[in-house]
């Protein structure tokens, strides 16, 4: 129970801390509405299983055969964060963007946005690897490890669903619509800053 309490506390604090996932769910919800925000949140929660899977089953094997794997994940993630940030902050790209339409294709696109944002997020990779290595431990059974993974994914889904519901309210969306260039620039620069910071962070 002590291990579980420690684990849950770390997960909650890590998930609610600002980062790329929060930035993307926030912007999507405020700009494109509740359904788009919830689909992005679902994509984020689903992508957690990518990190959970290799942390449980393949990290030792992968790093043995591909010593640069974790650095590769970090660098790809950094490039993706900087690309997303530049796409939002670059004025010509902002001007060319059209409002997403709330249809099936749009929902799928927002799900994929959340999926790739989290799957390529070095912060999540560092967080999950650290949890399994230092808190959960190698001696823990596979089913228990999978249970911990389900909790990680569920906490992500719950938190970002709440963020999507709150930030998709009409008052918030109207404010964002009036100040969208500023909002996009701030979020874009935040993502670029996160990417640059993670560029110098070593995944052990």
Protein backbone atom coordinates (compact mmCIF):
# COMPACT_ATOMS: atom_id res chain seq x y z
CA UNK A 1 0.00 0.00 0.00
CA UNK A 2 2.89 2.37 0.70
CA UNK A 3 4.32 1.70 -2.75
CA UNK A 4 0.91 2.24 -4.35
CA UNK A 5 0.35 5.50 -2.47
CA UNK A 6 3.77 6.76 -3.52
CA UNK A 7 3.14 5.65 -7.10
CA UNK A 8 -0.29 7.31 -7.28
CA UNK A 9 1.00 10.57 -5.79
CA UNK A 10 3.85 10.73 -8.31
CA UNK A 11 1.52 9.94 -11.22
CA UNK A 12 -1.04 12.60 -10.28
CA UNK A 13 1.59 15.30 -9.75
CA UNK A 14 3.40 14.43 -12.98
CA UNK A 15 0.22 14.36 -15.07
CA UNK A 16 -1.16 17.70 -13.84
CA UNK A 17 2.18 19.47 -14.28
CA UNK A 18 2.26 21.66 -17.42
CA UNK A 19 3.77 20.10 -20.51
CA UNK A 20 3.18 19.33 -24.17
CA UNK A 21 0.12 17.14 -23.50
CA UNK A 22 -1.51 19.88 -21.45
CA UNK A 23 -0.73 22.50 -24.08
CA UNK A 24 -2.23 20.46 -26.91
CA UNK A 25 -5.39 19.41 -25.05
CA UNK A 26 -5.90 22.98 -23.83
CA UNK A 27 -5.54 24.57 -27.24
CA UNK A 28 -7.61 21.94 -29.04
CA UNK A 29 -10.44 22.21 -26.51
CA UNK A 30 -10.51 26.00 -26.57
CA UNK A 31 -10.26 26.30 -30.35
CA UNK A 32 -12.13 23.26 -31.67
CA UNK A 33 -14.54 22.38 -28.89
CA UNK A 34 -15.27 19.69 -26.33
CA UNK A 35 -15.39 16.65 -28.63
CA UNK A 36 -12.03 17.55 -30.20
CA UNK A 37 -10.52 18.09 -26.75
CA UNK A 38 -11.84 14.79 -25.42
CA UNK A 39 -10.53 12.93 -28.48
CA UNK A 40 -7.11 14.52 -27.96
CA UNK A 41 -7.23 13.45 -24.30
CA UNK A 42 -8.12 9.91 -25.37
CA UNK A 43 -5.18 9.91 -27.77
CA UNK A 44 -2.84 11.01 -24.98
CA UNK A 45 -4.11 8.29 -22.63
CA UNK A 46 -3.83 5.63 -25.34
CA UNK A 47 -0.25 6.63 -26.21
CA UNK A 48 0.79 6.07 -22.60
CA UNK A 49 0.69 2.35 -23.39
CA UNK A 50 3.54 2.78 -25.86
CA UNK A 51 5.83 3.91 -23.04
CA UNK A 52 4.35 1.40 -20.58
CA UNK A 53 4.89 -1.52 -22.96
CA UNK A 54 8.57 -0.95 -23.56
CA UNK A 55 9.15 -0.07 -19.89
CA UNK A 56 7.67 -3.44 -18.86
CA UNK A 57 8.71 -5.81 -21.61
CA UNK A 58 11.45 -4.48 -23.76
CA UNK A 59 13.54 -1.74 -22.23
CA UNK A 60 16.49 -3.91 -21.21
CA UNK A 61 16.42 -5.88 -24.46
CA UNK A 62 15.95 -2.78 -26.61
CA UNK A 63 18.78 -0.89 -24.95
CA UNK A 64 21.04 -3.94 -25.27
CA UNK A 65 20.48 -4.28 -29.03
CA UNK A 66 19.90 -0.59 -29.75
CA UNK A 67 22.02 1.38 -27.27
CA UNK A 68 20.87 4.69 -28.74
CA UNK A 69 17.15 3.88 -28.57
CA UNK A 70 16.27 6.17 -25.67
CA UNK A 71 18.30 9.03 -27.07
CA UNK A 72 16.55 8.46 -30.39
CA UNK A 73 13.13 8.67 -28.71
CA UNK A 74 14.21 11.86 -27.00
CA UNK A 75 15.53 13.50 -30.18
CA UNK A 76 12.49 12.54 -32.26
CA UNK A 77 10.25 13.86 -29.50
CA UNK A 78 12.21 17.09 -29.29
CA UNK A 79 11.93 17.59 -33.04
CA UNK A 80 8.17 16.93 -32.90
CA UNK A 81 7.62 19.42 -30.06
CA UNK A 82 9.61 22.11 -31.87
CA UNK A 83 7.72 21.40 -35.09
CA UNK A 84 4.35 21.69 -33.33
CA UNK A 85 5.43 24.89 -31.61
CA UNK A 86 6.70 26.46 -34.81
CA UNK A 87 3.50 25.46 -36.62
CA UNK A 88 1.45 27.39 -34.08
CA UNK A 89 3.71 30.37 -33.56
CA UNK A 90 4.60 31.01 -37.22
CA UNK A 91 2.29 33.85 -38.40
CA UNK A 92 1.78 32.67 -41.99
CA UNK A 93 0.85 29.19 -40.80
CA UNK A 94 -1.62 30.70 -38.30
CA UNK A 95 -3.23 32.82 -40.99
CA UNK A 96 -3.63 29.85 -43.30
CA UNK A 97 -5.23 27.63 -40.69
CA UNK A 98 -8.95 27.03 -40.96
CA UNK A 99 -11.27 26.12 -38.12
CA UNK A 100 -11.51 22.34 -37.75
CA UNK A 101 -14.90 20.84 -38.54
CA UNK A 102 -16.40 18.67 -35.82
CA UNK A 103 -16.93 15.54 -37.94
CA UNK A 104 -15.63 11.96 -37.90
CA UNK A 105 -12.42 12.81 -39.76
CA UNK A 106 -11.79 15.73 -37.46
CA UNK A 107 -12.25 13.55 -34.37
CA UNK A 108 -9.79 11.02 -35.75
CA UNK A 109 -7.31 13.77 -36.54
CA UNK A 110 -7.50 15.11 -32.99
CA UNK A 111 -7.11 11.60 -31.56
CA UNK A 112 -3.95 11.16 -33.63
CA UNK A 113 -2.70 14.57 -32.50
CA UNK A 114 -2.98 13.49 -28.86
CA UNK A 115 -1.54 10.07 -29.67
CA UNK A 116 1.59 11.40 -31.37
CA UNK A 117 2.06 14.25 -28.89
CA UNK A 118 2.29 11.82 -25.99
CA UNK A 119 4.04 8.96 -27.81
CA UNK A 120 6.82 11.34 -28.92
CA UNK A 121 6.92 13.26 -25.64
CA UNK A 122 10.31 12.72 -23.95
CA UNK A 123 8.81 13.91 -20.65
CA UNK A 124 6.43 10.93 -20.62
CA UNK A 125 9.23 8.54 -21.57
CA UNK A 126 11.40 9.79 -18.70
CA UNK A 127 8.45 9.68 -16.28
CA UNK A 128 7.32 6.14 -17.11
CA UNK A 129 10.84 4.68 -17.21
CA UNK A 130 11.65 6.25 -13.84
CA UNK A 131 8.44 4.93 -12.28
CA UNK A 132 9.03 1.36 -13.39
CA UNK A 133 12.73 1.39 -12.55
CA UNK A 134 12.65 3.19 -9.20
CA UNK A 135 9.17 2.88 -7.69
CA UNK A 136 7.55 -0.28 -9.09
CA UNK A 137 10.75 -2.31 -9.35
CA UNK A 138 11.92 -5.17 -11.56
CA UNK A 139 10.69 -7.88 -9.16
CA UNK A 140 7.03 -6.87 -9.45
CA UNK A 141 4.81 -9.33 -11.36
CA UNK A 142 3.73 -8.66 -14.94
CA UNK A 143 0.03 -8.41 -14.08
CA UNK A 144 0.76 -5.92 -11.33
CA UNK A 145 2.93 -3.89 -13.70
CA UNK A 146 0.11 -3.88 -16.24
CA UNK A 147 -2.26 -2.75 -13.51
CA UNK A 148 0.04 0.15 -12.70
CA UNK A 149 0.11 0.95 -16.41
CA UNK A 150 -3.68 1.01 -16.54
CA UNK A 151 -3.67 3.51 -13.68
CA UNK A 152 -1.15 5.73 -15.48
CA UNK A 153 -3.33 5.75 -18.60
CA UNK A 154 -6.55 6.28 -16.62
CA UNK A 155 -5.14 9.24 -14.69
CA UNK A 156 -4.04 10.85 -17.96
CA UNK A 157 -7.52 10.32 -19.44
CA UNK A 158 -9.35 11.65 -16.38
CA UNK A 159 -7.21 14.75 -15.97
CA UNK A 160 -7.14 15.75 -19.61
CA UNK A 161 -10.86 15.03 -20.01
CA UNK A 162 -11.50 17.48 -17.16
CA UNK A 163 -9.20 20.00 -18.85
CA UNK A 164 -11.07 19.53 -22.13
CA UNK A 165 -14.48 19.96 -20.48
CA UNK A 166 -13.42 23.12 -18.62
CA UNK A 167 -11.60 24.81 -21.48
CA UNK A 168 -14.31 24.03 -24.05
CA UNK A 169 -16.85 26.19 -22.24
CA UNK A 170 -18.34 28.99 -24.34
CA UNK A 171 -16.76 31.80 -22.31
CA UNK A 172 -13.29 30.29 -22.69
CA UNK A 173 -13.75 29.61 -26.40
CA UNK A 174 -14.98 33.15 -27.03
CA UNK A 175 -11.95 34.57 -25.24
CA UNK A 176 -9.58 32.34 -27.22
CA UNK A 177 -11.32 33.22 -30.48
CA UNK A 178 -10.75 36.93 -29.80
CA UNK A 179 -7.10 36.41 -28.87
CA UNK A 180 -6.21 33.33 -30.94
CA UNK A 181 -3.00 34.70 -32.53
CA UNK A 182 -1.65 35.54 -29.06
CA UNK A 183 -2.78 32.20 -27.60
CA UNK A 184 -1.24 30.25 -30.48
CA UNK A 185 2.01 32.18 -30.18
CA UNK A 186 2.26 31.59 -26.41
CA UNK A 187 1.51 27.87 -26.70
CA UNK A 188 3.83 27.54 -29.70
CA UNK A 189 6.71 29.19 -27.88
CA UNK A 190 6.01 27.03 -24.82
CA UNK A 191 6.28 23.87 -26.92
CA UNK A 192 9.51 25.10 -28.52
CA UNK A 193 10.92 25.89 -25.06
CA UNK A 194 9.97 22.42 -23.79
CA UNK A 195 11.64 20.86 -26.82
CA UNK A 196 14.85 22.83 -26.34
CA UNK A 197 14.91 22.01 -22.60
CA UNK A 198 14.42 18.30 -23.25
CA UNK A 199 17.15 18.38 -25.90
CA UNK A 200 19.69 18.69 -23.07
CA UNK A 201 17.98 16.15 -20.76
CA UNK A 202 19.60 12.75 -20.73
CA UNK A 203 17.32 9.69 -20.44
CA UNK A 204 19.16 7.22 -18.25
